[in-house]
ModelCIF file with pLDDT and N, C-alpha, C, O atoms, coordinates in Angstrom:
data_MODEL
#
_entry.id   MODEL 
#
_entity.id                         1 
_entity.type                       polymer 
_entity.pdbx_number_of_molecules   1 
#
_entity_poly.entity_id                      1 
_entity_poly.type                           'polypeptide(L)' 
_entity_poly.nstd_linkage                   no 
_entity_poly.nstd_monomer                   no 
_entity_poly.pdbx_seq_one_letter_code       PHVLVVTPGVNVRRALLDYTDEDFDRVVDLNLRGTFRLLQVFGRTMAA 
_entity_poly.pdbx_seq_one_letter_code_can   PHVLVVTPGVNVRRALLDYTDEDFDRVVDLNLRGTFRLLQVFGRTMAA 
_entity_poly.pdbx_strand_id                 A 
#
loop_
_entity_poly_seq.entity_id 
_entity_poly_seq.num 
_entity_poly_seq.mon_id 
_entity_poly_seq.hetero 
1 1  PRO n 
1 2  HIS n 
1 3  VAL n 
1 4  LEU n 
1 5  VAL n 
1 6  VAL n 
1 7  THR n 
1 8  PRO n 
1 9  GLY n 
1 10 VAL n 
1 11 ASN n 
1 12 VAL n 
1 13 ARG n 
1 14 ARG n 
1 15 ALA n 
1 16 LEU n 
1 17 LEU n 
1 18 ASP n 
1 19 TYR n 
1 20 THR n 
1 21 ASP n 
1 22 GLU n 
1 23 ASP n 
1 24 PHE n 
1 25 ASP n 
1 26 ARG n 
1 27 VAL n 
1 28 VAL n 
1 29 ASP n 
1 30 LEU n 
1 31 ASN n 
1 32 LEU n 
1 33 ARG n 
1 34 GLY n 
1 35 THR n 
1 36 PHE n 
1 37 ARG n 
1 38 LEU n 
1 39 LEU n 
1 40 GLN n 
1 41 VAL n 
1 42 PHE n 
1 43 GLY n 
1 44 ARG n 
1 45 THR n 
1 46 MET n 
1 47 ALA n 
1 48 ALA n 
#
_struct_asym.id          A 
_struct_asym.entity_id   1 
#
loop_
_ma_qa_metric.id 
_ma_qa_metric.mode 
_ma_qa_metric.name 
_ma_qa_metric.software_group_id 
_ma_qa_metric.type 
1 global pLDDT . pLDDT 
2 local  pLDDT . pLDDT 
#
_ma_qa_metric_global.metric_id      1 
_ma_qa_metric_global.metric_value   97.31 
_ma_qa_metric_global.model_id       1 
_ma_qa_metric_global.ordinal_id     1 
#
loop_
_ma_qa_metric_local.label_asym_id 
_ma_qa_metric_local.label_comp_id 
_ma_qa_metric_local.label_seq_id 
_ma_qa_metric_local.metric_id 
_ma_qa_metric_local.metric_value 
_ma_qa_metric_local.model_id 
_ma_qa_metric_local.ordinal_id 
A PRO 1  2 98.00 1 1  
A HIS 2  2 98.00 1 2  
A VAL 3  2 98.00 1 3  
A LEU 4  2 98.00 1 4  
A VAL 5  2 98.00 1 5  
A VAL 6  2 98.00 1 6  
A THR 7  2 98.00 1 7  
A PRO 8  2 96.00 1 8  
A GLY 9  2 95.00 1 9  
A VAL 10 2 94.00 1 10 
A ASN 11 2 93.00 1 11 
A VAL 12 2 95.00 1 12 
A ARG 13 2 92.00 1 13 
A ARG 14 2 94.00 1 14 
A ALA 15 2 96.00 1 15 
A LEU 16 2 97.00 1 16 
A LEU 17 2 97.00 1 17 
A ASP 18 2 97.00 1 18 
A TYR 19 2 97.00 1 19 
A THR 20 2 98.00 1 20 
A ASP 21 2 98.00 1 21 
A GLU 22 2 98.00 1 22 
A ASP 23 2 98.00 1 23 
A PHE 24 2 98.00 1 24 
A ASP 25 2 98.00 1 25 
A ARG 26 2 98.00 1 26 
A VAL 27 2 98.00 1 27 
A VAL 28 2 98.00 1 28 
A ASP 29 2 98.00 1 29 
A LEU 30 2 98.00 1 30 
A ASN 31 2 98.00 1 31 
A LEU 32 2 98.00 1 32 
A ARG 33 2 98.00 1 33 
A GLY 34 2 98.00 1 34 
A THR 35 2 98.00 1 35 
A PHE 36 2 98.00 1 36 
A ARG 37 2 98.00 1 37 
A LEU 38 2 98.00 1 38 
A LEU 39 2 98.00 1 39 
A GLN 40 2 98.00 1 40 
A VAL 41 2 98.00 1 41 
A PHE 42 2 98.00 1 42 
A GLY 43 2 98.00 1 43 
A ARG 44 2 98.00 1 44 
A THR 45 2 98.00 1 45 
A MET 46 2 98.00 1 46 
A ALA 47 2 98.00 1 47 
A ALA 48 2 98.00 1 48 
#
loop_
_atom_site.group_PDB 
_atom_site.id 
_atom_site.type_symbol 
_atom_site.label_atom_id 
_atom_site.label_alt_id 
_atom_site.label_comp_id 
_atom_site.label_asym_id 
_atom_site.label_entity_id 
_atom_site.label_seq_id 
_atom_site.pdbx_PDB_ins_code 
_atom_site.Cartn_x 
_atom_site.Cartn_y 
_atom_site.Cartn_z 
_atom_site.occupancy 
_atom_site.B_iso_or_equiv 
_atom_site.pdbx_formal_charge 
_atom_site.auth_seq_id 
_atom_site.auth_comp_id 
_atom_site.auth_asym_id 
_atom_site.auth_atom_id 
_atom_site.pdbx_PDB_model_num 
ATOM 1   N N  . PRO A 1 1  ? 17.269 -168.257 17.542 1.00 98.00 ? 1  PRO A N  1 
ATOM 2   C CA . PRO A 1 1  ? 16.810 -167.030 18.193 1.00 98.00 ? 1  PRO A CA 1 
ATOM 3   C C  . PRO A 1 1  ? 17.690 -165.843 17.820 1.00 98.00 ? 1  PRO A C  1 
ATOM 4   O O  . PRO A 1 1  ? 18.781 -166.016 17.277 1.00 98.00 ? 1  PRO A O  1 
ATOM 5   N N  . HIS A 1 2  ? 17.220 -164.666 18.105 1.00 98.00 ? 2  HIS A N  1 
ATOM 6   C CA . HIS A 1 2  ? 18.027 -163.468 17.925 1.00 98.00 ? 2  HIS A CA 1 
ATOM 7   C C  . HIS A 1 2  ? 18.912 -163.219 19.141 1.00 98.00 ? 2  HIS A C  1 
ATOM 8   O O  . HIS A 1 2  ? 19.964 -162.588 19.043 1.00 98.00 ? 2  HIS A O  1 
ATOM 9   N N  . VAL A 1 3  ? 18.464 -163.730 20.299 1.00 98.00 ? 3  VAL A N  1 
ATOM 10  C CA . VAL A 1 3  ? 19.164 -163.484 21.554 1.00 98.00 ? 3  VAL A CA 1 
ATOM 11  C C  . VAL A 1 3  ? 19.210 -164.778 22.362 1.00 98.00 ? 3  VAL A C  1 
ATOM 12  O O  . VAL A 1 3  ? 18.223 -165.511 22.427 1.00 98.00 ? 3  VAL A O  1 
ATOM 13  N N  . LEU A 1 4  ? 20.352 -165.054 22.972 1.00 98.00 ? 4  LEU A N  1 
ATOM 14  C CA . LEU A 1 4  ? 20.490 -166.150 23.924 1.00 98.00 ? 4  LEU A CA 1 
ATOM 15  C C  . LEU A 1 4  ? 21.060 -165.581 25.213 1.00 98.00 ? 4  LEU A C  1 
ATOM 16  O O  . LEU A 1 4  ? 22.086 -164.900 25.197 1.00 98.00 ? 4  LEU A O  1 
ATOM 17  N N  . VAL A 1 5  ? 20.391 -165.863 26.338 1.00 98.00 ? 5  VAL A N  1 
ATOM 18  C CA . VAL A 1 5  ? 20.858 -165.421 27.647 1.00 98.00 ? 5  VAL A CA 1 
ATOM 19  C C  . VAL A 1 5  ? 21.099 -166.661 28.505 1.00 98.00 ? 5  VAL A C  1 
ATOM 20  O O  . VAL A 1 5  ? 20.206 -167.493 28.667 1.00 98.00 ? 5  VAL A O  1 
ATOM 21  N N  . VAL A 1 6  ? 22.301 -166.781 29.049 1.00 98.00 ? 6  VAL A N  1 
ATOM 22  C CA . VAL A 1 6  ? 22.701 -167.948 29.840 1.00 98.00 ? 6  VAL A CA 1 
ATOM 23  C C  . VAL A 1 6  ? 22.927 -167.504 31.284 1.00 98.00 ? 6  VAL A C  1 
ATOM 24  O O  . VAL A 1 6  ? 23.845 -166.731 31.558 1.00 98.00 ? 6  VAL A O  1 
ATOM 25  N N  . THR A 1 7  ? 22.090 -167.992 32.215 1.00 98.00 ? 7  THR A N  1 
ATOM 26  C CA . THR A 1 7  ? 22.202 -167.548 33.609 1.00 98.00 ? 7  THR A CA 1 
ATOM 27  C C  . THR A 1 7  ? 22.483 -168.636 34.638 1.00 98.00 ? 7  THR A C  1 
ATOM 28  O O  . THR A 1 7  ? 22.874 -168.285 35.752 1.00 98.00 ? 7  THR A O  1 
ATOM 29  N N  . PRO A 1 8  ? 22.315 -169.944 34.356 1.00 96.00 ? 8  PRO A N  1 
ATOM 30  C CA . PRO A 1 8  ? 22.435 -170.936 35.435 1.00 96.00 ? 8  PRO A CA 1 
ATOM 31  C C  . PRO A 1 8  ? 23.824 -170.959 36.086 1.00 96.00 ? 8  PRO A C  1 
ATOM 32  O O  . PRO A 1 8  ? 24.843 -170.755 35.427 1.00 96.00 ? 8  PRO A O  1 
ATOM 33  N N  . GLY A 1 9  ? 23.829 -171.212 37.380 1.00 95.00 ? 9  GLY A N  1 
ATOM 34  C CA . GLY A 1 9  ? 25.085 -171.344 38.106 1.00 95.00 ? 9  GLY A CA 1 
ATOM 35  C C  . GLY A 1 9  ? 24.860 -172.053 39.426 1.00 95.00 ? 9  GLY A C  1 
ATOM 36  O O  . GLY A 1 9  ? 23.773 -171.997 40.000 1.00 95.00 ? 9  GLY A O  1 
ATOM 37  N N  . VAL A 1 10 ? 25.900 -172.720 39.899 1.00 94.00 ? 10 VAL A N  1 
ATOM 38  C CA . VAL A 1 10 ? 25.834 -173.407 41.185 1.00 94.00 ? 10 VAL A CA 1 
ATOM 39  C C  . VAL A 1 10 ? 27.174 -173.236 41.882 1.00 94.00 ? 10 VAL A C  1 
ATOM 40  O O  . VAL A 1 10 ? 28.208 -173.086 41.230 1.00 94.00 ? 10 VAL A O  1 
ATOM 41  N N  . ASN A 1 11 ? 27.154 -173.260 43.212 1.00 93.00 ? 11 ASN A N  1 
ATOM 42  C CA . ASN A 1 11 ? 28.390 -173.099 43.973 1.00 93.00 ? 11 ASN A CA 1 
ATOM 43  C C  . ASN A 1 11 ? 28.405 -174.083 45.131 1.00 93.00 ? 11 ASN A C  1 
ATOM 44  O O  . ASN A 1 11 ? 27.374 -174.322 45.759 1.00 93.00 ? 11 ASN A O  1 
ATOM 45  N N  . VAL A 1 12 ? 29.549 -174.645 45.412 1.00 95.00 ? 12 VAL A N  1 
ATOM 46  C CA . VAL A 1 12 ? 29.781 -175.439 46.622 1.00 95.00 ? 12 VAL A CA 1 
ATOM 47  C C  . VAL A 1 12 ? 30.826 -174.678 47.422 1.00 95.00 ? 12 VAL A C  1 
ATOM 48  O O  . VAL A 1 12 ? 32.003 -174.668 47.061 1.00 95.00 ? 12 VAL A O  1 
ATOM 49  N N  . ARG A 1 13 ? 30.403 -174.041 48.506 1.00 92.00 ? 13 ARG A N  1 
ATOM 50  C CA . ARG A 1 13 ? 31.317 -173.221 49.315 1.00 92.00 ? 13 ARG A CA 1 
ATOM 51  C C  . ARG A 1 13 ? 32.142 -174.137 50.209 1.00 92.00 ? 13 ARG A C  1 
ATOM 52  O O  . ARG A 1 13 ? 31.660 -174.671 51.208 1.00 92.00 ? 13 ARG A O  1 
ATOM 53  N N  . ARG A 1 14 ? 33.395 -174.297 49.818 1.00 94.00 ? 14 ARG A N  1 
ATOM 54  C CA . ARG A 1 14 ? 34.276 -175.191 50.569 1.00 94.00 ? 14 ARG A CA 1 
ATOM 55  C C  . ARG A 1 14 ? 35.724 -174.864 50.213 1.00 94.00 ? 14 ARG A C  1 
ATOM 56  O O  . ARG A 1 14 ? 36.021 -174.530 49.065 1.00 94.00 ? 14 ARG A O  1 
ATOM 57  N N  . ALA A 1 15 ? 36.618 -174.957 51.180 1.00 96.00 ? 15 ALA A N  1 
ATOM 58  C CA . ALA A 1 15 ? 38.028 -174.726 50.909 1.00 96.00 ? 15 ALA A CA 1 
ATOM 59  C C  . ALA A 1 15 ? 38.518 -175.692 49.839 1.00 96.00 ? 15 ALA A C  1 
ATOM 60  O O  . ALA A 1 15 ? 38.062 -176.834 49.766 1.00 96.00 ? 15 ALA A O  1 
ATOM 61  N N  . LEU A 1 16 ? 39.448 -175.228 49.013 1.00 97.00 ? 16 LEU A N  1 
ATOM 62  C CA . LEU A 1 16 ? 39.937 -176.068 47.923 1.00 97.00 ? 16 LEU A CA 1 
ATOM 63  C C  . LEU A 1 16 ? 40.501 -177.397 48.432 1.00 97.00 ? 16 LEU A C  1 
ATOM 64  O O  . LEU A 1 16 ? 40.301 -178.436 47.802 1.00 97.00 ? 16 LEU A O  1 
ATOM 65  N N  . LEU A 1 17 ? 41.191 -177.369 49.549 1.00 97.00 ? 17 LEU A N  1 
ATOM 66  C CA . LEU A 1 17 ? 41.792 -178.603 50.062 1.00 97.00 ? 17 LEU A CA 1 
ATOM 67  C C  . LEU A 1 17 ? 40.749 -179.594 50.553 1.00 97.00 ? 17 LEU A C  1 
ATOM 68  O O  . LEU A 1 17 ? 41.048 -180.773 50.747 1.00 97.00 ? 17 LEU A O  1 
ATOM 69  N N  . ASP A 1 18 ? 39.533 -179.119 50.755 1.00 97.00 ? 18 ASP A N  1 
ATOM 70  C CA . ASP A 1 18 ? 38.461 -179.996 51.223 1.00 97.00 ? 18 ASP A CA 1 
ATOM 71  C C  . ASP A 1 18 ? 37.521 -180.432 50.108 1.00 97.00 ? 18 ASP A C  1 
ATOM 72  O O  . ASP A 1 18 ? 36.593 -181.205 50.341 1.00 97.00 ? 18 ASP A O  1 
ATOM 73  N N  . TYR A 1 19 ? 37.762 -179.934 48.889 1.00 97.00 ? 19 TYR A N  1 
ATOM 74  C CA . TYR A 1 19 ? 36.874 -180.267 47.773 1.00 97.00 ? 19 TYR A CA 1 
ATOM 75  C C  . TYR A 1 19 ? 36.988 -181.745 47.412 1.00 97.00 ? 19 TYR A C  1 
ATOM 76  O O  . TYR A 1 19 ? 38.081 -182.312 47.410 1.00 97.00 ? 19 TYR A O  1 
ATOM 77  N N  . THR A 1 20 ? 35.860 -182.355 47.111 1.00 98.00 ? 20 THR A N  1 
ATOM 78  C CA . THR A 1 20 ? 35.845 -183.728 46.617 1.00 98.00 ? 20 THR A CA 1 
ATOM 79  C C  . THR A 1 20 ? 35.695 -183.701 45.094 1.00 98.00 ? 20 THR A C  1 
ATOM 80  O O  . THR A 1 20 ? 35.361 -182.673 44.505 1.00 98.00 ? 20 THR A O  1 
ATOM 81  N N  . ASP A 1 21 ? 35.945 -184.831 44.486 1.00 98.00 ? 21 ASP A N  1 
ATOM 82  C CA . ASP A 1 21 ? 35.735 -184.926 43.045 1.00 98.00 ? 21 ASP A CA 1 
ATOM 83  C C  . ASP A 1 21 ? 34.280 -184.642 42.691 1.00 98.00 ? 21 ASP A C  1 
ATOM 84  O O  . ASP A 1 21 ? 33.986 -184.032 41.663 1.00 98.00 ? 21 ASP A O  1 
ATOM 85  N N  . GLU A 1 22 ? 33.372 -185.093 43.557 1.00 98.00 ? 22 GLU A N  1 
ATOM 86  C CA . GLU A 1 22 ? 31.952 -184.881 43.309 1.00 98.00 ? 22 GLU A CA 1 
ATOM 87  C C  . GLU A 1 22 ? 31.615 -183.389 43.366 1.00 98.00 ? 22 GLU A C  1 
ATOM 88  O O  . GLU A 1 22 ? 30.857 -182.893 42.532 1.00 98.00 ? 22 GLU A O  1 
ATOM 89  N N  . ASP A 1 23 ? 32.171 -182.678 44.340 1.00 98.00 ? 23 ASP A N  1 
ATOM 90  C CA . ASP A 1 23 ? 31.961 -181.234 44.429 1.00 98.00 ? 23 ASP A CA 1 
ATOM 91  C C  . ASP A 1 23 ? 32.457 -180.547 43.158 1.00 98.00 ? 23 ASP A C  1 
ATOM 92  O O  . ASP A 1 23 ? 31.759 -179.733 42.554 1.00 98.00 ? 23 ASP A O  1 
ATOM 93  N N  . PHE A 1 24 ? 33.672 -180.897 42.776 1.00 98.00 ? 24 PHE A N  1 
ATOM 94  C CA . PHE A 1 24 ? 34.298 -180.287 41.605 1.00 98.00 ? 24 PHE A CA 1 
ATOM 95  C C  . PHE A 1 24 ? 33.459 -180.527 40.353 1.00 98.00 ? 24 PHE A C  1 
ATOM 96  O O  . PHE A 1 24 ? 33.185 -179.600 39.590 1.00 98.00 ? 24 PHE A O  1 
ATOM 97  N N  . ASP A 1 25 ? 33.060 -181.767 40.153 1.00 98.00 ? 25 ASP A N  1 
ATOM 98  C CA . ASP A 1 25 ? 32.282 -182.104 38.957 1.00 98.00 ? 25 ASP A CA 1 
ATOM 99  C C  . ASP A 1 25 ? 30.947 -181.377 38.938 1.00 98.00 ? 25 ASP A C  1 
ATOM 100 O O  . ASP A 1 25 ? 30.495 -180.935 37.882 1.00 98.00 ? 25 ASP A O  1 
ATOM 101 N N  . ARG A 1 26 ? 30.320 -181.251 40.087 1.00 98.00 ? 26 ARG A N  1 
ATOM 102 C CA . ARG A 1 26 ? 29.015 -180.593 40.140 1.00 98.00 ? 26 ARG A CA 1 
ATOM 103 C C  . ARG A 1 26 ? 29.110 -179.140 39.681 1.00 98.00 ? 26 ARG A C  1 
ATOM 104 O O  . ARG A 1 26 ? 28.286 -178.679 38.891 1.00 98.00 ? 26 ARG A O  1 
ATOM 105 N N  . VAL A 1 27 ? 30.110 -178.424 40.173 1.00 98.00 ? 27 VAL A N  1 
ATOM 106 C CA . VAL A 1 27 ? 30.249 -177.012 39.837 1.00 98.00 ? 27 VAL A CA 1 
ATOM 107 C C  . VAL A 1 27 ? 30.721 -176.834 38.393 1.00 98.00 ? 27 VAL A C  1 
ATOM 108 O O  . VAL A 1 27 ? 30.175 -176.014 37.656 1.00 98.00 ? 27 VAL A O  1 
ATOM 109 N N  . VAL A 1 28 ? 31.725 -177.594 37.996 1.00 98.00 ? 28 VAL A N  1 
ATOM 110 C CA . VAL A 1 28 ? 32.273 -177.443 36.648 1.00 98.00 ? 28 VAL A CA 1 
ATOM 111 C C  . VAL A 1 28 ? 31.277 -177.893 35.582 1.00 98.00 ? 28 VAL A C  1 
ATOM 112 O O  . VAL A 1 28 ? 31.151 -177.250 34.540 1.00 98.00 ? 28 VAL A O  1 
ATOM 113 N N  . ASP A 1 29 ? 30.575 -178.985 35.838 1.00 98.00 ? 29 ASP A N  1 
ATOM 114 C CA . ASP A 1 29 ? 29.656 -179.505 34.822 1.00 98.00 ? 29 ASP A CA 1 
ATOM 115 C C  . ASP A 1 29 ? 28.526 -178.527 34.514 1.00 98.00 ? 29 ASP A C  1 
ATOM 116 O O  . ASP A 1 29 ? 28.148 -178.359 33.355 1.00 98.00 ? 29 ASP A O  1 
ATOM 117 N N  . LEU A 1 30 ? 27.990 -177.888 35.539 1.00 98.00 ? 30 LEU A N  1 
ATOM 118 C CA . LEU A 1 30 ? 26.894 -176.946 35.285 1.00 98.00 ? 30 LEU A CA 1 
ATOM 119 C C  . LEU A 1 30 ? 27.426 -175.606 34.785 1.00 98.00 ? 30 LEU A C  1 
ATOM 120 O O  . LEU A 1 30 ? 27.016 -175.128 33.727 1.00 98.00 ? 30 LEU A O  1 
ATOM 121 N N  . ASN A 1 31 ? 28.331 -175.003 35.540 1.00 98.00 ? 31 ASN A N  1 
ATOM 122 C CA . ASN A 1 31 ? 28.753 -173.635 35.241 1.00 98.00 ? 31 ASN A CA 1 
ATOM 123 C C  . ASN A 1 31 ? 29.566 -173.513 33.958 1.00 98.00 ? 31 ASN A C  1 
ATOM 124 O O  . ASN A 1 31 ? 29.399 -172.550 33.209 1.00 98.00 ? 31 ASN A O  1 
ATOM 125 N N  . LEU A 1 32 ? 30.437 -174.473 33.700 1.00 98.00 ? 32 LEU A N  1 
ATOM 126 C CA . LEU A 1 32 ? 31.338 -174.349 32.550 1.00 98.00 ? 32 LEU A CA 1 
ATOM 127 C C  . LEU A 1 32 ? 30.914 -175.233 31.391 1.00 98.00 ? 32 LEU A C  1 
ATOM 128 O O  . LEU A 1 32 ? 30.728 -174.745 30.276 1.00 98.00 ? 32 LEU A O  1 
ATOM 129 N N  . ARG A 1 33 ? 30.760 -176.528 31.641 1.00 98.00 ? 33 ARG A N  1 
ATOM 130 C CA . ARG A 1 33 ? 30.393 -177.417 30.539 1.00 98.00 ? 33 ARG A CA 1 
ATOM 131 C C  . ARG A 1 33 ? 28.986 -177.117 30.025 1.00 98.00 ? 33 ARG A C  1 
ATOM 132 O O  . ARG A 1 33 ? 28.745 -177.146 28.818 1.00 98.00 ? 33 ARG A O  1 
ATOM 133 N N  . GLY A 1 34 ? 28.053 -176.829 30.941 1.00 98.00 ? 34 GLY A N  1 
ATOM 134 C CA . GLY A 1 34 ? 26.694 -176.502 30.516 1.00 98.00 ? 34 GLY A CA 1 
ATOM 135 C C  . GLY A 1 34 ? 26.657 -175.239 29.678 1.00 98.00 ? 34 GLY A C  1 
ATOM 136 O O  . GLY A 1 34 ? 25.968 -175.182 28.659 1.00 98.00 ? 34 GLY A O  1 
ATOM 137 N N  . THR A 1 35 ? 27.402 -174.219 30.109 1.00 98.00 ? 35 THR A N  1 
ATOM 138 C CA . THR A 1 35 ? 27.499 -172.988 29.327 1.00 98.00 ? 35 THR A CA 1 
ATOM 139 C C  . THR A 1 35 ? 28.113 -173.269 27.965 1.00 98.00 ? 35 THR A C  1 
ATOM 140 O O  . THR A 1 35 ? 27.635 -172.759 26.951 1.00 98.00 ? 35 THR A O  1 
ATOM 141 N N  . PHE A 1 36 ? 29.164 -174.074 27.932 1.00 98.00 ? 36 PHE A N  1 
ATOM 142 C CA . PHE A 1 36 ? 29.817 -174.429 26.669 1.00 98.00 ? 36 PHE A CA 1 
ATOM 143 C C  . PHE A 1 36 ? 28.827 -175.078 25.701 1.00 98.00 ? 36 PHE A C  1 
ATOM 144 O O  . PHE A 1 36 ? 28.814 -174.756 24.513 1.00 98.00 ? 36 PHE A O  1 
ATOM 145 N N  . ARG A 1 37 ? 28.000 -175.989 26.210 1.00 98.00 ? 37 ARG A N  1 
ATOM 146 C CA . ARG A 1 37 ? 27.027 -176.665 25.334 1.00 98.00 ? 37 ARG A CA 1 
ATOM 147 C C  . ARG A 1 37 ? 26.094 -175.639 24.681 1.00 98.00 ? 37 ARG A C  1 
ATOM 148 O O  . ARG A 1 37 ? 25.836 -175.704 23.479 1.00 98.00 ? 37 ARG A O  1 
ATOM 149 N N  . LEU A 1 38 ? 25.599 -174.703 25.473 1.00 98.00 ? 38 LEU A N  1 
ATOM 150 C CA . LEU A 1 38 ? 24.676 -173.701 24.937 1.00 98.00 ? 38 LEU A CA 1 
ATOM 151 C C  . LEU A 1 38 ? 25.368 -172.809 23.917 1.00 98.00 ? 38 LEU A C  1 
ATOM 152 O O  . LEU A 1 38 ? 24.806 -172.512 22.863 1.00 98.00 ? 38 LEU A O  1 
ATOM 153 N N  . LEU A 1 39 ? 26.587 -172.383 24.230 1.00 98.00 ? 39 LEU A N  1 
ATOM 154 C CA . LEU A 1 39 ? 27.323 -171.530 23.305 1.00 98.00 ? 39 LEU A CA 1 
ATOM 155 C C  . LEU A 1 39 ? 27.581 -172.245 21.987 1.00 98.00 ? 39 LEU A C  1 
ATOM 156 O O  . LEU A 1 39 ? 27.456 -171.650 20.917 1.00 98.00 ? 39 LEU A O  1 
ATOM 157 N N  . GLN A 1 40 ? 27.933 -173.497 22.064 1.00 98.00 ? 40 GLN A N  1 
ATOM 158 C CA . GLN A 1 40 ? 28.262 -174.242 20.857 1.00 98.00 ? 40 GLN A CA 1 
ATOM 159 C C  . GLN A 1 40 ? 27.033 -174.473 19.981 1.00 98.00 ? 40 GLN A C  1 
ATOM 160 O O  . GLN A 1 40 ? 27.074 -174.238 18.773 1.00 98.00 ? 40 GLN A O  1 
ATOM 161 N N  . VAL A 1 41 ? 25.956 -174.929 20.583 1.00 98.00 ? 41 VAL A N  1 
ATOM 162 C CA . VAL A 1 41 ? 24.758 -175.263 19.810 1.00 98.00 ? 41 VAL A CA 1 
ATOM 163 C C  . VAL A 1 41 ? 24.125 -174.012 19.198 1.00 98.00 ? 41 VAL A C  1 
ATOM 164 O O  . VAL A 1 41 ? 23.838 -173.976 18.002 1.00 98.00 ? 41 VAL A O  1 
ATOM 165 N N  . PHE A 1 42 ? 23.908 -172.984 20.031 1.00 98.00 ? 42 PHE A N  1 
ATOM 166 C CA . PHE A 1 42 ? 23.249 -171.790 19.509 1.00 98.00 ? 42 PHE A CA 1 
ATOM 167 C C  . PHE A 1 42 ? 24.218 -170.913 18.716 1.00 98.00 ? 42 PHE A C  1 
ATOM 168 O O  . PHE A 1 42 ? 23.794 -170.173 17.829 1.00 98.00 ? 42 PHE A O  1 
ATOM 169 N N  . GLY A 1 43 ? 25.513 -170.989 19.026 1.00 98.00 ? 43 GLY A N  1 
ATOM 170 C CA . GLY A 1 43 ? 26.486 -170.269 18.227 1.00 98.00 ? 43 GLY A CA 1 
ATOM 171 C C  . GLY A 1 43 ? 26.468 -170.726 16.780 1.00 98.00 ? 43 GLY A C  1 
ATOM 172 O O  . GLY A 1 43 ? 26.596 -169.916 15.862 1.00 98.00 ? 43 GLY A O  1 
ATOM 173 N N  . ARG A 1 44 ? 26.309 -172.028 16.579 1.00 98.00 ? 44 ARG A N  1 
ATOM 174 C CA . ARG A 1 44 ? 26.263 -172.562 15.211 1.00 98.00 ? 44 ARG A CA 1 
ATOM 175 C C  . ARG A 1 44 ? 25.070 -172.008 14.438 1.00 98.00 ? 44 ARG A C  1 
ATOM 176 O O  . ARG A 1 44 ? 25.216 -171.564 13.299 1.00 98.00 ? 44 ARG A O  1 
ATOM 177 N N  . THR A 1 45 ? 23.900 -172.034 15.054 1.00 98.00 ? 45 THR A N  1 
ATOM 178 C CA . THR A 1 45 ? 22.699 -171.596 14.332 1.00 98.00 ? 45 THR A CA 1 
ATOM 179 C C  . THR A 1 45 ? 22.723 -170.094 14.081 1.00 98.00 ? 45 THR A C  1 
ATOM 180 O O  . THR A 1 45 ? 22.310 -169.635 13.016 1.00 98.00 ? 45 THR A O  1 
ATOM 181 N N  . MET A 1 46 ? 23.208 -169.321 15.060 1.00 98.00 ? 46 MET A N  1 
ATOM 182 C CA . MET A 1 46 ? 23.280 -167.869 14.876 1.00 98.00 ? 46 MET A CA 1 
ATOM 183 C C  . MET A 1 46 ? 24.294 -167.511 13.796 1.00 98.00 ? 46 MET A C  1 
ATOM 184 O O  . MET A 1 46 ? 24.046 -166.623 12.981 1.00 98.00 ? 46 MET A O  1 
ATOM 185 N N  . ALA A 1 47 ? 25.432 -168.198 13.787 1.00 98.00 ? 47 ALA A N  1 
ATOM 186 C CA . ALA A 1 47 ? 26.439 -167.934 12.770 1.00 98.00 ? 47 ALA A CA 1 
ATOM 187 C C  . ALA A 1 47 ? 25.892 -168.226 11.381 1.00 98.00 ? 47 ALA A C  1 
ATOM 188 O O  . ALA A 1 47 ? 26.161 -167.490 10.431 1.00 98.00 ? 47 ALA A O  1 
ATOM 189 N N  . ALA A 1 48 ? 25.125 -169.299 11.268 1.00 98.00 ? 48 ALA A N  1 
ATOM 190 C CA . ALA A 1 48 ? 24.534 -169.642 9.975  1.00 98.00 ? 48 ALA A CA 1 
ATOM 191 C C  . ALA A 1 48 ? 23.526 -168.584 9.532  1.00 98.00 ? 48 ALA A C  1 
ATOM 192 O O  . ALA A 1 48 ? 22.929 -168.710 8.463  1.00 98.00 ? 48 ALA A O  1 
#
């Protein structure tokens, strides 16, 4: 594509001391790892 727009996000509103591993993984996997996947895959094709 000529343009890629990345908007997905999720939040678990909870104090850090109360966060579970499951909470942490849910937020990080979508917001950060998911964004990384899109940047990497489409970054390669756009660069080419």
